[in-house]
Amino acid sequence: MKTIFVDTNIILDVLLQNEGFWQDSLKVLRLAELGKVSVCASASSMTDIFYVTKKKLTTPVARDAIEKLLKLLVIVGVDGDDLQGALSLPIDDLEDALQVWCAKKVNADMLITRDTAGFANIDMPVVAPAEFTA
């Protein structure tokens, strides 16, 4: 079974139904529901997702979303060593670097994001949701 790592924006697109993006991102998460792929996300993504969802929707919706994600996804822990490792990568944005570090930590086959340009200098496949589900 393939292991994929999803960037924060994939999950937020689904939860917030971001126009033009959420349908393809939902297809990625549905593959996890069907057991066709193992989908991973970082623990730090969960806090970001909660924060944004709470601000745009409500706290109960954000809580419910995180509870569902915890059942659906493999959550990759983050500690000081992971942050240090992320800082060693040739990526200017620490959040993006941490996503890559976590993806490598679980030997993900690929990273799925809407921001493929932000992950240009890494040595693993990076694809958009539409490309992955095509």
C-alpha atoms as a PDB file:
ATOM      1  CA  MET A   1       0.000   0.000   0.000  1.00  0.00           C
ATOM      2  CA  LYS A   2       1.290   3.461  -0.853  1.00  0.00           C
ATOM      3  CA  THR A   3       2.020   5.882   1.930  1.00  0.00           C
ATOM      4  CA  ILE A   4       1.296   9.481   1.083  1.00  0.00           C
ATOM      5  CA  PHE A   5       1.894  12.560   3.144  1.00  0.00           C
ATOM      6  CA  VAL A   6      -0.582  15.419   2.840  1.00  0.00           C
ATOM      7  CA  ASP A   7       0.244  19.056   3.347  1.00  0.00           C
ATOM      8  CA  THR A   8      -1.978  21.160   5.602  1.00  0.00           C
ATOM      9  CA  ASN A   9      -3.655  22.874   2.648  1.00  0.00           C
ATOM     10  CA  ILE A  10      -5.138  19.599   1.394  1.00  0.00           C
ATOM     11  CA  ILE A  11      -7.107  19.079   4.587  1.00  0.00           C
ATOM     12  CA  LEU A  12      -8.084  22.735   4.914  1.00  0.00           C
ATOM     13  CA  ASP A  13      -9.379  22.735   1.344  1.00  0.00           C
ATOM     14  CA  VAL A  14     -11.785  19.945   2.262  1.00  0.00           C
ATOM     15  CA  LEU A  15     -12.896  21.348   5.607  1.00  0.00           C
ATOM     16  CA  LEU A  16     -13.412  24.876   4.290  1.00  0.00           C
ATOM     17  CA  GLN A  17     -14.622  23.745   0.855  1.00  0.00           C
ATOM     18  CA  ASN A  18     -12.149  26.067  -0.846  1.00  0.00           C
ATOM     19  CA  GLU A  19     -13.556  26.780  -4.283  1.00  0.00           C
ATOM     20  CA  GLY A  20     -11.711  25.064  -7.099  1.00  0.00           C
ATOM     21  CA  PHE A  21      -9.659  22.860  -4.797  1.00  0.00           C
ATOM     22  CA  TRP A  22     -11.744  20.911  -2.289  1.00  0.00           C
ATOM     23  CA  GLN A  23     -13.120  18.257  -4.651  1.00  0.00           C
ATOM     24  CA  ASP A  24      -9.697  16.942  -5.666  1.00  0.00           C
ATOM     25  CA  SER A  25      -8.425  17.082  -2.090  1.00  0.00           C
ATOM     26  CA  LEU A  26     -11.503  15.174  -0.920  1.00  0.00           C
ATOM     27  CA  LYS A  27     -10.697  12.407  -3.415  1.00  0.00           C
ATOM     28  CA  VAL A  28      -7.301  12.006  -1.755  1.00  0.00           C
ATOM     29  CA  LEU A  29      -8.848  11.629   1.705  1.00  0.00           C
ATOM     30  CA  ARG A  30     -11.506   9.260   0.354  1.00  0.00           C
ATOM     31  CA  LEU A  31      -8.752   6.917  -0.802  1.00  0.00           C
ATOM     32  CA  ALA A  32      -7.673   6.714   2.836  1.00  0.00           C
ATOM     33  CA  GLU A  33     -11.265   5.973   3.909  1.00  0.00           C
ATOM     34  CA  LEU A  34     -11.375   3.147   1.389  1.00  0.00           C
ATOM     35  CA  GLY A  35      -8.061   1.749   2.636  1.00  0.00           C
ATOM     36  CA  LYS A  36      -6.389   2.196  -0.755  1.00  0.00           C
ATOM     37  CA  VAL A  37      -3.560   4.357   0.609  1.00  0.00           C
ATOM     38  CA  SER A  38      -2.128   5.226   3.984  1.00  0.00           C
ATOM     39  CA  VAL A  39      -2.385   8.985   4.452  1.00  0.00           C
ATOM     40  CA  CYS A  40      -0.092  10.761   6.896  1.00  0.00           C
ATOM     41  CA  ALA A  41      -0.033  14.320   8.222  1.00  0.00           C
ATOM     42  CA  SER A  42       2.092  16.057  10.812  1.00  0.00           C
ATOM     43  CA  ALA A  43       0.914  16.769  14.330  1.00  0.00           C
ATOM     44  CA  SER A  44       1.776  20.410  13.700  1.00  0.00           C
ATOM     45  CA  SER A  45      -0.700  20.426  10.820  1.00  0.00           C
ATOM     46  CA  MET A  46      -3.445  19.388  13.219  1.00  0.00           C
ATOM     47  CA  THR A  47      -2.926  22.486  15.373  1.00  0.00           C
ATOM     48  CA  ASP A  48      -2.892  24.720  12.288  1.00  0.00           C
ATOM     49  CA  ILE A  49      -6.032  23.055  10.946  1.00  0.00           C
ATOM     50  CA  PHE A  50      -7.803  23.489  14.269  1.00  0.00           C
ATOM     51  CA  TYR A  51      -6.835  27.169  14.463  1.00  0.00           C
ATOM     52  CA  VAL A  52      -7.942  28.051  10.922  1.00  0.00           C
ATOM     53  CA  THR A  53     -11.127  25.987  11.070  1.00  0.00           C
ATOM     54  CA  LYS A  54     -12.095  27.511  14.430  1.00  0.00           C
ATOM     55  CA  LYS A  55     -11.599  31.041  13.060  1.00  0.00           C
ATOM     56  CA  LYS A  56     -13.478  30.433   9.805  1.00  0.00           C
ATOM     57  CA  LEU A  57     -16.193  28.140  11.175  1.00  0.00           C
ATOM     58  CA  THR A  58     -16.655  27.302  14.877  1.00  0.00           C
ATOM     59  CA  THR A  59     -14.797  25.599  17.713  1.00  0.00           C
ATOM     60  CA  PRO A  60     -17.149  22.574  17.752  1.00  0.00           C
ATOM     61  CA  VAL A  61     -16.656  22.080  14.011  1.00  0.00           C
ATOM     62  CA  ALA A  62     -12.885  22.333  14.431  1.00  0.00           C
ATOM     63  CA  ARG A  63     -12.907  19.808  17.297  1.00  0.00           C
ATOM     64  CA  ASP A  64     -15.071  17.378  15.355  1.00  0.00           C
ATOM     65  CA  ALA A  65     -12.794  17.696  12.316  1.00  0.00           C
ATOM     66  CA  ILE A  66      -9.673  16.898  14.342  1.00  0.00           C
ATOM     67  CA  GLU A  67     -11.360  13.901  15.981  1.00  0.00           C
ATOM     68  CA  LYS A  68     -12.295  12.530  12.559  1.00  0.00           C
ATOM     69  CA  LEU A  69      -8.817  13.179  11.168  1.00  0.00           C
ATOM     70  CA  LEU A  70      -7.236  11.329  14.083  1.00  0.00           C
ATOM     71  CA  LYS A  71      -9.229   8.241  13.096  1.00  0.00           C
ATOM     72  CA  LEU A  72      -8.503   8.565   9.372  1.00  0.00           C
ATOM     73  CA  LEU A  73      -4.865   9.644   9.174  1.00  0.00           C
ATOM     74  CA  VAL A  74      -1.544   8.505  10.526  1.00  0.00           C
ATOM     75  CA  ILE A  75      -0.358  11.458  12.605  1.00  0.00           C
ATOM     76  CA  VAL A  76       3.400  12.001  12.543  1.00  0.00           C
ATOM     77  CA  GLY A  77       4.777  13.398  15.791  1.00  0.00           C
ATOM     78  CA  VAL A  78       7.065  16.405  15.870  1.00  0.00           C
ATOM     79  CA  ASP A  79       9.818  17.072  18.389  1.00  0.00           C
ATOM     80  CA  GLY A  80      12.919  19.209  18.675  1.00  0.00           C
ATOM     81  CA  ASP A  81      15.027  16.821  16.614  1.00  0.00           C
ATOM     82  CA  ASP A  82      12.460  17.025  13.807  1.00  0.00           C
ATOM     83  CA  LEU A  83      12.573  20.809  13.876  1.00  0.00           C
ATOM     84  CA  GLN A  84      16.368  20.699  13.760  1.00  0.00           C
ATOM     85  CA  GLY A  85      16.208  18.301  10.826  1.00  0.00           C
ATOM     86  CA  ALA A  86      13.725  20.534   9.017  1.00  0.00           C
ATOM     87  CA  LEU A  87      16.056  23.498   9.468  1.00  0.00           C
ATOM     88  CA  SER A  88      18.805  21.508   7.730  1.00  0.00           C
ATOM     89  CA  LEU A  89      16.757  21.145   4.530  1.00  0.00           C
ATOM     90  CA  PRO A  90      17.223  23.536   1.588  1.00  0.00           C
ATOM     91  CA  ILE A  91      13.726  25.008   2.019  1.00  0.00           C
ATOM     92  CA  ASP A  92      13.186  28.610   3.099  1.00  0.00           C
ATOM     93  CA  ASP A  93       9.795  28.054   4.755  1.00  0.00           C
ATOM     94  CA  LEU A  94      10.069  26.165   8.058  1.00  0.00           C
ATOM     95  CA  GLU A  95       6.506  24.826   7.878  1.00  0.00           C
ATOM     96  CA  ASP A  96       7.156  23.362   4.414  1.00  0.00           C
ATOM     97  CA  ALA A  97      10.509  21.980   5.539  1.00  0.00           C
ATOM     98  CA  LEU A  98       8.860  20.307   8.526  1.00  0.00           C
ATOM     99  CA  GLN A  99       6.281  18.710   6.244  1.00  0.00           C
ATOM    100  CA  VAL A 100       9.070  17.271   4.101  1.00  0.00           C
ATOM    101  CA  TRP A 101      10.975  16.079   7.165  1.00  0.00           C
ATOM    102  CA  CYS A 102       7.879  14.322   8.502  1.00  0.00           C
ATOM    103  CA  ALA A 103       7.149  12.768   5.107  1.00  0.00           C
ATOM    104  CA  LYS A 104      10.658  11.355   4.986  1.00  0.00           C
ATOM    105  CA  LYS A 105      10.386  10.207   8.608  1.00  0.00           C
ATOM    106  CA  VAL A 106       7.555   7.836   7.620  1.00  0.00           C
ATOM    107  CA  ASN A 107       9.117   6.917   4.259  1.00  0.00           C
ATOM    108  CA  ALA A 108       6.195   8.399   2.356  1.00  0.00           C
ATOM    109  CA  ASP A 109       6.082   7.588  -1.333  1.00  0.00           C
ATOM    110  CA  MET A 110       5.089  11.163  -2.124  1.00  0.00           C
ATOM    111  CA  LEU A 111       3.939  14.456  -0.699  1.00  0.00           C
ATOM    112  CA  ILE A 112       0.630  15.879  -1.867  1.00  0.00           C
ATOM    113  CA  THR A 113       0.145  19.629  -1.771  1.00  0.00           C
ATOM    114  CA  ARG A 114      -1.471  22.437  -3.663  1.00  0.00           C
ATOM    115  CA  ASP A 115       1.793  24.398  -3.309  1.00  0.00           C
ATOM    116  CA  THR A 116       4.086  22.207  -5.413  1.00  0.00           C
ATOM    117  CA  ALA A 117       6.403  25.168  -6.165  1.00  0.00           C
ATOM    118  CA  GLY A 118       7.174  25.500  -2.447  1.00  0.00           C
ATOM    119  CA  PHE A 119       8.660  22.003  -2.479  1.00  0.00           C
ATOM    120  CA  ALA A 120      10.842  22.317  -5.579  1.00  0.00           C
ATOM    121  CA  ASN A 121      14.201  21.343  -4.043  1.00  0.00           C
ATOM    122  CA  ILE A 122      13.388  18.037  -2.407  1.00  0.00           C
ATOM    123  CA  ASP A 123      14.243  14.492  -3.393  1.00  0.00           C
ATOM    124  CA  MET A 124      10.789  12.953  -3.292  1.00  0.00           C
ATOM    125  CA  PRO A 125       7.807  13.213  -5.627  1.00  0.00           C
ATOM    126  CA  VAL A 126       5.543  16.186  -4.914  1.00  0.00           C
ATOM    127  CA  VAL A 127       2.187  16.212  -6.656  1.00  0.00           C
ATOM    128  CA  ALA A 128      -1.037  18.183  -6.649  1.00  0.00           C
ATOM    129  CA  PRO A 129      -4.234  16.399  -5.589  1.00  0.00           C
ATOM    130  CA  ALA A 130      -5.687  16.408  -9.109  1.00  0.00           C
ATOM    131  CA  GLU A 131      -2.527  14.815 -10.490  1.00  0.00           C
ATOM    132  CA  PHE A 132      -2.531  12.145  -7.791  1.00  0.00           C
ATOM    133  CA  THR A 133      -6.167  11.146  -8.249  1.00  0.00           C
ATOM    134  CA  ALA A 134      -6.119  11.261 -12.071  1.00  0.00           C
END
